[in-house]
Amino acid sequence: MPEIAFSIILLTGTSIAKTEDKNDALIQAATEGNLVEVNRLLSIGAKVNAKNERSTALMLASREGHLDVVKLLLEKGASVNTRNEIHGYWSISKDKA
């Protein structure tokens, strides 16, 4: 019976990843500048304002200079008003954006 459920998941394209896993993957993809993966993760339910222990995907993409990812996250509704409480950084780094 588990094989049937797994087959249905594969056929329908339903993701079995937990929301936290999607959010962690989004943060990683944004940090790496992987536009295709960021877009895919957002389309399957990753939260555009998801944070790791310190930063959002927007903060990390901005810090690393990934303008295409920054633009996509902003188009999808990422907040520019989020602040990193440890270092005091805002979502958009003034030196990169």
PDB file of N, CA and C in Angstrom:
ATOM      1  N   MET A   1       0.797  -1.201   0.000  1.00  0.00           N
ATOM      2  CA  MET A   1       0.000   0.000   0.000  1.00  0.00           C
ATOM      3  C   MET A   1       0.845   1.273   0.000  1.00  0.00           C
ATOM      4  N   PRO A   2       1.975   1.350   0.751  1.00  0.00           N
ATOM      5  CA  PRO A   2       2.803   2.556   0.688  1.00  0.00           C
ATOM      6  C   PRO A   2       3.311   2.841  -0.721  1.00  0.00           C
ATOM      7  N   GLU A   3       3.535   1.782  -1.502  1.00  0.00           N
ATOM      8  CA  GLU A   3       4.011   1.986  -2.872  1.00  0.00           C
ATOM      9  C   GLU A   3       2.983   2.737  -3.701  1.00  0.00           C
ATOM     10  N   ILE A   4       1.710   2.456  -3.472  1.00  0.00           N
ATOM     11  CA  ILE A   4       0.638   3.138  -4.213  1.00  0.00           C
ATOM     12  C   ILE A   4       0.635   4.618  -3.857  1.00  0.00           C
ATOM     13  N   ALA A   5       0.716   4.939  -2.580  1.00  0.00           N
ATOM     14  CA  ALA A   5       0.728   6.339  -2.153  1.00  0.00           C
ATOM     15  C   ALA A   5       1.929   7.065  -2.738  1.00  0.00           C
ATOM     16  N   PHE A   6       3.083   6.416  -2.718  1.00  0.00           N
ATOM     17  CA  PHE A   6       4.283   7.026  -3.268  1.00  0.00           C
ATOM     18  C   PHE A   6       4.121   7.264  -4.762  1.00  0.00           C
ATOM     19  N   SER A   7       3.525   6.316  -5.471  1.00  0.00           N
ATOM     20  CA  SER A   7       3.297   6.463  -6.910  1.00  0.00           C
ATOM     21  C   SER A   7       2.362   7.625  -7.198  1.00  0.00           C
ATOM     22  N   ILE A   8       1.340   7.786  -6.390  1.00  0.00           N
ATOM     23  CA  ILE A   8       0.405   8.899  -6.582  1.00  0.00           C
ATOM     24  C   ILE A   8       1.117  10.222  -6.374  1.00  0.00           C
ATOM     25  N   ILE A   9       1.958  10.289  -5.375  1.00  0.00           N
ATOM     26  CA  ILE A   9       2.721  11.512  -5.131  1.00  0.00           C
ATOM     27  C   ILE A   9       3.600  11.826  -6.331  1.00  0.00           C
ATOM     28  N   LEU A  10       4.274  10.837  -6.876  1.00  0.00           N
ATOM     29  CA  LEU A  10       5.137  11.059  -8.035  1.00  0.00           C
ATOM     30  C   LEU A  10       4.339  11.495  -9.252  1.00  0.00           C
ATOM     31  N   LEU A  11       3.182  10.881  -9.488  1.00  0.00           N
ATOM     32  CA  LEU A  11       2.375  11.199 -10.660  1.00  0.00           C
ATOM     33  C   LEU A  11       1.763  12.589 -10.578  1.00  0.00           C
ATOM     34  N   THR A  12       1.362  13.014  -9.396  1.00  0.00           N
ATOM     35  CA  THR A  12       0.716  14.315  -9.255  1.00  0.00           C
ATOM     36  C   THR A  12       1.715  15.446  -9.078  1.00  0.00           C
ATOM     37  N   GLY A  13       2.971  15.119  -8.801  1.00  0.00           N
ATOM     38  CA  GLY A  13       3.978  16.136  -8.594  1.00  0.00           C
ATOM     39  C   GLY A  13       3.893  16.783  -7.224  1.00  0.00           C
ATOM     40  N   THR A  14       3.150  16.193  -6.329  1.00  0.00           N
ATOM     41  CA  THR A  14       3.009  16.735  -4.981  1.00  0.00           C
ATOM     42  C   THR A  14       4.315  16.587  -4.219  1.00  0.00           C
ATOM     43  N   SER A  15       4.730  17.645  -3.589  1.00  0.00           N
ATOM     44  CA  SER A  15       5.963  17.600  -2.812  1.00  0.00           C
ATOM     45  C   SER A  15       5.706  16.977  -1.451  1.00  0.00           C
ATOM     46  N   ILE A  16       6.610  16.111  -1.026  1.00  0.00           N
ATOM     47  CA  ILE A  16       6.461  15.502   0.286  1.00  0.00           C
ATOM     48  C   ILE A  16       7.364  16.180   1.313  1.00  0.00           C
ATOM     49  N   ALA A  17       8.084  17.219   0.882  1.00  0.00           N
ATOM     50  CA  ALA A  17       8.965  17.927   1.807  1.00  0.00           C
ATOM     51  C   ALA A  17       8.138  18.751   2.782  1.00  0.00           C
ATOM     52  N   LYS A  18       8.602  18.837   4.009  1.00  0.00           N
ATOM     53  CA  LYS A  18       7.952  19.673   5.002  1.00  0.00           C
ATOM     54  C   LYS A  18       8.186  21.138   4.659  1.00  0.00           C
ATOM     55  N   THR A  19       7.308  21.997   5.166  1.00  0.00           N
ATOM     56  CA  THR A  19       7.458  23.431   4.909  1.00  0.00           C
ATOM     57  C   THR A  19       8.812  23.939   5.362  1.00  0.00           C
ATOM     58  N   GLU A  20       9.288  23.487   6.534  1.00  0.00           N
ATOM     59  CA  GLU A  20      10.591  23.944   7.021  1.00  0.00           C
ATOM     60  C   GLU A  20      11.704  23.549   6.065  1.00  0.00           C
ATOM     61  N   ASP A  21      11.605  22.362   5.495  1.00  0.00           N
ATOM     62  CA  ASP A  21      12.611  21.924   4.535  1.00  0.00           C
ATOM     63  C   ASP A  21      12.602  22.802   3.295  1.00  0.00           C
ATOM     64  N   LYS A  22      11.415  23.169   2.831  1.00  0.00           N
ATOM     65  CA  LYS A  22      11.299  24.046   1.671  1.00  0.00           C
ATOM     66  C   LYS A  22      11.903  25.411   1.985  1.00  0.00           C
ATOM     67  N   ASN A  23      11.623  25.905   3.188  1.00  0.00           N
ATOM     68  CA  ASN A  23      12.142  27.207   3.571  1.00  0.00           C
ATOM     69  C   ASN A  23      13.659  27.186   3.693  1.00  0.00           C
ATOM     70  N   ASP A  24      14.200  26.121   4.289  1.00  0.00           N
ATOM     71  CA  ASP A  24      15.658  25.980   4.371  1.00  0.00           C
ATOM     72  C   ASP A  24      16.275  25.903   2.982  1.00  0.00           C
ATOM     73  N   ALA A  25      15.632  25.157   2.097  1.00  0.00           N
ATOM     74  CA  ALA A  25      16.126  25.032   0.723  1.00  0.00           C
ATOM     75  C   ALA A  25      16.059  26.377  -0.001  1.00  0.00           C
ATOM     76  N   LEU A  26      15.000  27.157   0.262  1.00  0.00           N
ATOM     77  CA  LEU A  26      14.876  28.486  -0.342  1.00  0.00           C
ATOM     78  C   LEU A  26      16.023  29.387   0.101  1.00  0.00           C
ATOM     79  N   ILE A  27      16.308  29.378   1.378  1.00  0.00           N
ATOM     80  CA  ILE A  27      17.399  30.197   1.906  1.00  0.00           C
ATOM     81  C   ILE A  27      18.728  29.792   1.264  1.00  0.00           C
ATOM     82  N   GLN A  28      18.963  28.505   1.134  1.00  0.00           N
ATOM     83  CA  GLN A  28      20.194  28.016   0.515  1.00  0.00           C
ATOM     84  C   GLN A  28      20.270  28.417  -0.956  1.00  0.00           C
ATOM     85  N   ALA A  29      19.178  28.230  -1.689  1.00  0.00           N
ATOM     86  CA  ALA A  29      19.161  28.575  -3.114  1.00  0.00           C
ATOM     87  C   ALA A  29      19.354  30.075  -3.325  1.00  0.00           C
ATOM     88  N   ALA A  30      18.744  30.885  -2.479  1.00  0.00           N
ATOM     89  CA  ALA A  30      18.903  32.342  -2.589  1.00  0.00           C
ATOM     90  C   ALA A  30      20.346  32.748  -2.313  1.00  0.00           C
ATOM     91  N   THR A  31      20.962  32.133  -1.322  1.00  0.00           N
ATOM     92  CA  THR A  31      22.357  32.424  -0.980  1.00  0.00           C
ATOM     93  C   THR A  31      23.281  32.082  -2.145  1.00  0.00           C
ATOM     94  N   GLU A  32      22.969  30.986  -2.836  1.00  0.00           N
ATOM     95  CA  GLU A  32      23.796  30.535  -3.968  1.00  0.00           C
ATOM     96  C   GLU A  32      23.462  31.251  -5.267  1.00  0.00           C
ATOM     97  N   GLY A  33      22.365  32.017  -5.291  1.00  0.00           N
ATOM     98  CA  GLY A  33      21.972  32.707  -6.512  1.00  0.00           C
ATOM     99  C   GLY A  33      21.286  31.812  -7.522  1.00  0.00           C
ATOM    100  N   ASN A  34      20.667  30.739  -7.058  1.00  0.00           N
ATOM    101  CA  ASN A  34      20.017  29.776  -7.936  1.00  0.00           C
ATOM    102  C   ASN A  34      18.575  30.217  -8.211  1.00  0.00           C
ATOM    103  N   LEU A  35      18.408  31.054  -9.218  1.00  0.00           N
ATOM    104  CA  LEU A  35      17.115  31.648  -9.553  1.00  0.00           C
ATOM    105  C   LEU A  35      16.059  30.603  -9.866  1.00  0.00           C
ATOM    106  N   VAL A  36      16.414  29.603 -10.648  1.00  0.00           N
ATOM    107  CA  VAL A  36      15.452  28.567 -11.038  1.00  0.00           C
ATOM    108  C   VAL A  36      14.931  27.830  -9.804  1.00  0.00           C
ATOM    109  N   GLU A  37      15.835  27.481  -8.898  1.00  0.00           N
ATOM    110  CA  GLU A  37      15.435  26.758  -7.689  1.00  0.00           C
ATOM    111  C   GLU A  37      14.628  27.640  -6.744  1.00  0.00           C
ATOM    112  N   VAL A  38      14.987  28.900  -6.619  1.00  0.00           N
ATOM    113  CA  VAL A  38      14.206  29.822  -5.788  1.00  0.00           C
ATOM    114  C   VAL A  38      12.781  29.903  -6.316  1.00  0.00           C
ATOM    115  N   ASN A  39      12.638  30.073  -7.608  1.00  0.00           N
ATOM    116  CA  ASN A  39      11.311  30.159  -8.221  1.00  0.00           C
ATOM    117  C   ASN A  39      10.525  28.867  -8.007  1.00  0.00           C
ATOM    118  N   ARG A  40      11.171  27.736  -8.183  1.00  0.00           N
ATOM    119  CA  ARG A  40      10.498  26.440  -7.995  1.00  0.00           C
ATOM    120  C   ARG A  40      10.038  26.279  -6.551  1.00  0.00           C
ATOM    121  N   LEU A  41      10.897  26.601  -5.617  1.00  0.00           N
ATOM    122  CA  LEU A  41      10.539  26.446  -4.201  1.00  0.00           C
ATOM    123  C   LEU A  41       9.387  27.363  -3.805  1.00  0.00           C
ATOM    124  N   LEU A  42       9.385  28.578  -4.317  1.00  0.00           N
ATOM    125  CA  LEU A  42       8.270  29.479  -4.032  1.00  0.00           C
ATOM    126  C   LEU A  42       6.976  28.940  -4.623  1.00  0.00           C
ATOM    127  N   SER A  43       7.066  28.319  -5.786  1.00  0.00           N
ATOM    128  CA  SER A  43       5.860  27.791  -6.442  1.00  0.00           C
ATOM    129  C   SER A  43       5.280  26.574  -5.729  1.00  0.00           C
ATOM    130  N   ILE A  44       6.090  25.902  -4.902  1.00  0.00           N
ATOM    131  CA  ILE A  44       5.571  24.734  -4.173  1.00  0.00           C
ATOM    132  C   ILE A  44       5.347  25.026  -2.689  1.00  0.00           C
ATOM    133  N   GLY A  45       5.367  26.302  -2.332  1.00  0.00           N
ATOM    134  CA  GLY A  45       4.947  26.652  -0.988  1.00  0.00           C
ATOM    135  C   GLY A  45       5.984  27.152  -0.005  1.00  0.00           C
ATOM    136  N   ALA A  46       7.226  27.329  -0.440  1.00  0.00           N
ATOM    137  CA  ALA A  46       8.205  27.931   0.472  1.00  0.00           C
ATOM    138  C   ALA A  46       7.752  29.354   0.775  1.00  0.00           C
ATOM    139  N   LYS A  47       7.992  29.803   1.968  1.00  0.00           N
ATOM    140  CA  LYS A  47       7.572  31.141   2.383  1.00  0.00           C
ATOM    141  C   LYS A  47       8.615  32.172   1.971  1.00  0.00           C
ATOM    142  N   VAL A  48       8.166  33.192   1.255  1.00  0.00           N
ATOM    143  CA  VAL A  48       9.080  34.190   0.706  1.00  0.00           C
ATOM    144  C   VAL A  48       9.850  34.928   1.800  1.00  0.00           C
ATOM    145  N   ASN A  49       9.293  35.033   3.003  1.00  0.00           N
ATOM    146  CA  ASN A  49       9.970  35.715   4.103  1.00  0.00           C
ATOM    147  C   ASN A  49      10.541  34.757   5.141  1.00  0.00           C
ATOM    148  N   ALA A  50      10.755  33.520   4.745  1.00  0.00           N
ATOM    149  CA  ALA A  50      11.319  32.530   5.669  1.00  0.00           C
ATOM    150  C   ALA A  50      12.699  32.993   6.135  1.00  0.00           C
ATOM    151  N   LYS A  51      13.002  32.685   7.413  1.00  0.00           N
ATOM    152  CA  LYS A  51      14.295  33.066   7.991  1.00  0.00           C
ATOM    153  C   LYS A  51      15.011  31.836   8.508  1.00  0.00           C
ATOM    154  N   ASN A  52      16.327  31.877   8.448  1.00  0.00           N
ATOM    155  CA  ASN A  52      17.113  30.921   9.215  1.00  0.00           C
ATOM    156  C   ASN A  52      17.292  31.545  10.589  1.00  0.00           C
ATOM    157  N   GLU A  53      18.295  31.161  11.338  1.00  0.00           N
ATOM    158  CA  GLU A  53      18.444  31.721  12.682  1.00  0.00           C
ATOM    159  C   GLU A  53      18.710  33.223  12.684  1.00  0.00           C
ATOM    160  N   ARG A  54      19.134  33.794  11.559  1.00  0.00           N
ATOM    161  CA  ARG A  54      19.466  35.221  11.514  1.00  0.00           C
ATOM    162  C   ARG A  54      18.866  35.998  10.360  1.00  0.00           C
ATOM    163  N   SER A  55      18.790  35.400   9.180  1.00  0.00           N
ATOM    164  CA  SER A  55      18.541  36.162   7.963  1.00  0.00           C
ATOM    165  C   SER A  55      17.442  35.557   7.106  1.00  0.00           C
ATOM    166  N   THR A  56      16.856  36.414   6.259  1.00  0.00           N
ATOM    167  CA  THR A  56      15.875  35.954   5.279  1.00  0.00           C
ATOM    168  C   THR A  56      16.592  35.630   3.965  1.00  0.00           C
ATOM    169  N   ALA A  57      15.868  34.972   3.078  1.00  0.00           N
ATOM    170  CA  ALA A  57      16.407  34.687   1.745  1.00  0.00           C
ATOM    171  C   ALA A  57      16.767  35.988   1.032  1.00  0.00           C
ATOM    172  N   LEU A  58      15.951  37.016   1.208  1.00  0.00           N
ATOM    173  CA  LEU A  58      16.229  38.312   0.581  1.00  0.00           C
ATOM    174  C   LEU A  58      17.515  38.922   1.111  1.00  0.00           C
ATOM    175  N   MET A  59      17.715  38.865   2.413  1.00  0.00           N
ATOM    176  CA  MET A  59      18.948  39.393   3.006  1.00  0.00           C
ATOM    177  C   MET A  59      20.181  38.700   2.426  1.00  0.00           C
ATOM    178  N   LEU A  60      20.089  37.379   2.348  1.00  0.00           N
ATOM    179  CA  LEU A  60      21.245  36.603   1.892  1.00  0.00           C
ATOM    180  C   LEU A  60      21.514  36.801   0.404  1.00  0.00           C
ATOM    181  N   ALA A  61      20.472  36.830  -0.408  1.00  0.00           N
ATOM    182  CA  ALA A  61      20.648  37.072  -1.845  1.00  0.00           C
ATOM    183  C   ALA A  61      21.225  38.465  -2.078  1.00  0.00           C
ATOM    184  N   SER A  62      20.752  39.431  -1.315  1.00  0.00           N
ATOM    185  CA  SER A  62      21.252  40.796  -1.424  1.00  0.00           C
ATOM    186  C   SER A  62      22.717  40.872  -1.011  1.00  0.00           C
ATOM    187  N   ARG A  63      23.039  40.249   0.114  1.00  0.00           N
ATOM    188  CA  ARG A  63      24.417  40.259   0.615  1.00  0.00           C
ATOM    189  C   ARG A  63      25.390  39.662  -0.394  1.00  0.00           C
ATOM    190  N   GLU A  64      24.943  38.606  -1.087  1.00  0.00           N
ATOM    191  CA  GLU A  64      25.807  37.916  -2.049  1.00  0.00           C
ATOM    192  C   GLU A  64      25.780  38.557  -3.438  1.00  0.00           C
ATOM    193  N   GLY A  65      24.937  39.578  -3.623  1.00  0.00           N
ATOM    194  CA  GLY A  65      24.904  40.293  -4.898  1.00  0.00           C
ATOM    195  C   GLY A  65      24.122  39.595  -5.999  1.00  0.00           C
ATOM    196  N   HIS A  66      23.163  38.751  -5.641  1.00  0.00           N
ATOM    197  CA  HIS A  66      22.364  38.019  -6.632  1.00  0.00           C
ATOM    198  C   HIS A  66      21.120  38.833  -6.994  1.00  0.00           C
ATOM    199  N   LEU A  67      21.318  39.823  -7.847  1.00  0.00           N
ATOM    200  CA  LEU A  67      20.264  40.774  -8.187  1.00  0.00           C
ATOM    201  C   LEU A  67      19.028  40.103  -8.777  1.00  0.00           C
ATOM    202  N   ASP A  68      19.213  39.097  -9.635  1.00  0.00           N
ATOM    203  CA  ASP A  68      18.056  38.427 -10.238  1.00  0.00           C
ATOM    204  C   ASP A  68      17.206  37.733  -9.174  1.00  0.00           C
ATOM    205  N   VAL A  69      17.836  37.150  -8.179  1.00  0.00           N
ATOM    206  CA  VAL A  69      17.107  36.496  -7.091  1.00  0.00           C
ATOM    207  C   VAL A  69      16.433  37.551  -6.217  1.00  0.00           C
ATOM    208  N   VAL A  70      17.124  38.646  -5.942  1.00  0.00           N
ATOM    209  CA  VAL A  70      16.543  39.743  -5.163  1.00  0.00           C
ATOM    210  C   VAL A  70      15.278  40.251  -5.851  1.00  0.00           C
ATOM    211  N   LYS A  71      15.363  40.483  -7.157  1.00  0.00           N
ATOM    212  CA  LYS A  71      14.199  40.970  -7.907  1.00  0.00           C
ATOM    213  C   LYS A  71      13.034  39.993  -7.827  1.00  0.00           C
ATOM    214  N   LEU A  72      13.309  38.705  -7.996  1.00  0.00           N
ATOM    215  CA  LEU A  72      12.254  37.701  -7.926  1.00  0.00           C
ATOM    216  C   LEU A  72      11.607  37.688  -6.540  1.00  0.00           C
ATOM    217  N   LEU A  73      12.415  37.684  -5.496  1.00  0.00           N
ATOM    218  CA  LEU A  73      11.867  37.662  -4.137  1.00  0.00           C
ATOM    219  C   LEU A  73      11.009  38.896  -3.868  1.00  0.00           C
ATOM    220  N   LEU A  74      11.444  40.046  -4.352  1.00  0.00           N
ATOM    221  CA  LEU A  74      10.647  41.267  -4.187  1.00  0.00           C
ATOM    222  C   LEU A  74       9.339  41.176  -4.958  1.00  0.00           C
ATOM    223  N   GLU A  75       9.399  40.647  -6.186  1.00  0.00           N
ATOM    224  CA  GLU A  75       8.176  40.470  -6.981  1.00  0.00           C
ATOM    225  C   GLU A  75       7.185  39.544  -6.288  1.00  0.00           C
ATOM    226  N   LYS A  76       7.713  38.575  -5.554  1.00  0.00           N
ATOM    227  CA  LYS A  76       6.864  37.600  -4.860  1.00  0.00           C
ATOM    228  C   LYS A  76       6.415  38.096  -3.482  1.00  0.00           C
ATOM    229  N   GLY A  77       6.817  39.317  -3.114  1.00  0.00           N
ATOM    230  CA  GLY A  77       6.323  39.915  -1.882  1.00  0.00           C
ATOM    231  C   GLY A  77       7.253  39.892  -0.686  1.00  0.00           C
ATOM    232  N   ALA A  78       8.537  39.635  -0.887  1.00  0.00           N
ATOM    233  CA  ALA A  78       9.480  39.635   0.234  1.00  0.00           C
ATOM    234  C   ALA A  78       9.510  41.009   0.898  1.00  0.00           C
ATOM    235  N   SER A  79       9.581  41.011   2.204  1.00  0.00           N
ATOM    236  CA  SER A  79       9.601  42.256   2.970  1.00  0.00           C
ATOM    237  C   SER A  79      10.995  42.867   2.990  1.00  0.00           C
ATOM    238  N   VAL A  80      11.054  44.174   2.742  1.00  0.00           N
ATOM    239  CA  VAL A  80      12.325  44.887   2.851  1.00  0.00           C
ATOM    240  C   VAL A  80      12.485  45.480   4.246  1.00  0.00           C
ATOM    241  N   ASN A  81      11.507  45.280   5.092  1.00  0.00           N
ATOM    242  CA  ASN A  81      11.518  45.866   6.428  1.00  0.00           C
ATOM    243  C   ASN A  81      11.932  44.891   7.516  1.00  0.00           C
ATOM    244  N   THR A  82      12.408  43.729   7.126  1.00  0.00           N
ATOM    245  CA  THR A  82      12.871  42.746   8.105  1.00  0.00           C
ATOM    246  C   THR A  82      14.296  43.089   8.497  1.00  0.00           C
ATOM    247  N   ARG A  83      14.592  42.950   9.776  1.00  0.00           N
ATOM    248  CA  ARG A  83      15.922  43.293  10.268  1.00  0.00           C
ATOM    249  C   ARG A  83      16.579  42.096  10.933  1.00  0.00           C
ATOM    250  N   ASN A  84      17.843  41.914  10.649  1.00  0.00           N
ATOM    251  CA  ASN A  84      18.638  40.892  11.319  1.00  0.00           C
ATOM    252  C   ASN A  84      18.967  41.436  12.701  1.00  0.00           C
ATOM    253  N   GLU A  85      18.394  40.821  13.721  1.00  0.00           N
ATOM    254  CA  GLU A  85      18.542  41.336  15.082  1.00  0.00           C
ATOM    255  C   GLU A  85      19.958  41.174  15.637  1.00  0.00           C
ATOM    256  N   ILE A  86      20.708  40.222  15.140  1.00  0.00           N
ATOM    257  CA  ILE A  86      22.061  40.000  15.663  1.00  0.00           C
ATOM    258  C   ILE A  86      23.035  41.052  15.148  1.00  0.00           C
ATOM    259  N   HIS A  87      22.999  41.295  13.844  1.00  0.00           N
ATOM    260  CA  HIS A  87      23.960  42.224  13.232  1.00  0.00           C
ATOM    261  C   HIS A  87      23.352  43.573  12.868  1.00  0.00           C
ATOM    262  N   GLY A  88      22.026  43.672  12.926  1.00  0.00           N
ATOM    263  CA  GLY A  88      21.370  44.924  12.604  1.00  0.00           C
ATOM    264  C   GLY A  88      21.174  45.191  11.128  1.00  0.00           C
ATOM    265  N   TYR A  89      21.457  44.218  10.266  1.00  0.00           N
ATOM    266  CA  TYR A  89      21.291  44.407   8.827  1.00  0.00           C
ATOM    267  C   TYR A  89      19.806  44.442   8.460  1.00  0.00           C
ATOM    268  N   TRP A  90      19.503  45.224   7.445  1.00  0.00           N
ATOM    269  CA  TRP A  90      18.151  45.247   6.880  1.00  0.00           C
ATOM    270  C   TRP A  90      18.117  44.301   5.687  1.00  0.00           C
ATOM    271  N   SER A  91      16.937  44.060   5.147  1.00  0.00           N
ATOM    272  CA  SER A  91      16.778  43.109   4.051  1.00  0.00           C
ATOM    273  C   SER A  91      17.607  43.442   2.826  1.00  0.00           C
ATOM    274  N   ILE A  92      17.733  44.692   2.498  1.00  0.00           N
ATOM    275  CA  ILE A  92      18.510  45.091   1.323  1.00  0.00           C
ATOM    276  C   ILE A  92      19.815  45.729   1.795  1.00  0.00           C
ATOM    277  N   SER A  93      20.930  45.122   1.417  1.00  0.00           N
ATOM    278  CA  SER A  93      22.237  45.660   1.779  1.00  0.00           C
ATOM    279  C   SER A  93      22.530  46.884   0.936  1.00  0.00           C
ATOM    280  N   LYS A  94      22.825  47.973   1.557  1.00  0.00           N
ATOM    281  CA  LYS A  94      23.061  49.225   0.824  1.00  0.00           C
ATOM    282  C   LYS A  94      24.280  49.145  -0.085  1.00  0.00           C
ATOM    283  N   ASP A  95      25.244  48.306   0.255  1.00  0.00           N
ATOM    284  CA  ASP A  95      26.453  48.219  -0.562  1.00  0.00           C
ATOM    285  C   ASP A  95      26.308  47.313  -1.778  1.00  0.00           C
ATOM    286  N   LYS A  96      25.223  46.524  -1.868  1.00  0.00           N
ATOM    287  CA  LYS A  96      25.077  45.583  -2.980  1.00  0.00           C
ATOM    288  C   LYS A  96      23.880  45.929  -3.867  1.00  0.00           C
ATOM    289  N   ALA A  97      22.825  46.495  -3.300  1.00  0.00           N
ATOM    290  CA  ALA A  97      21.575  46.709  -4.055  1.00  0.00           C
ATOM    291  C   ALA A  97      21.635  47.959  -4.883  1.00  0.00           C
TER     292      ALA A  97
END
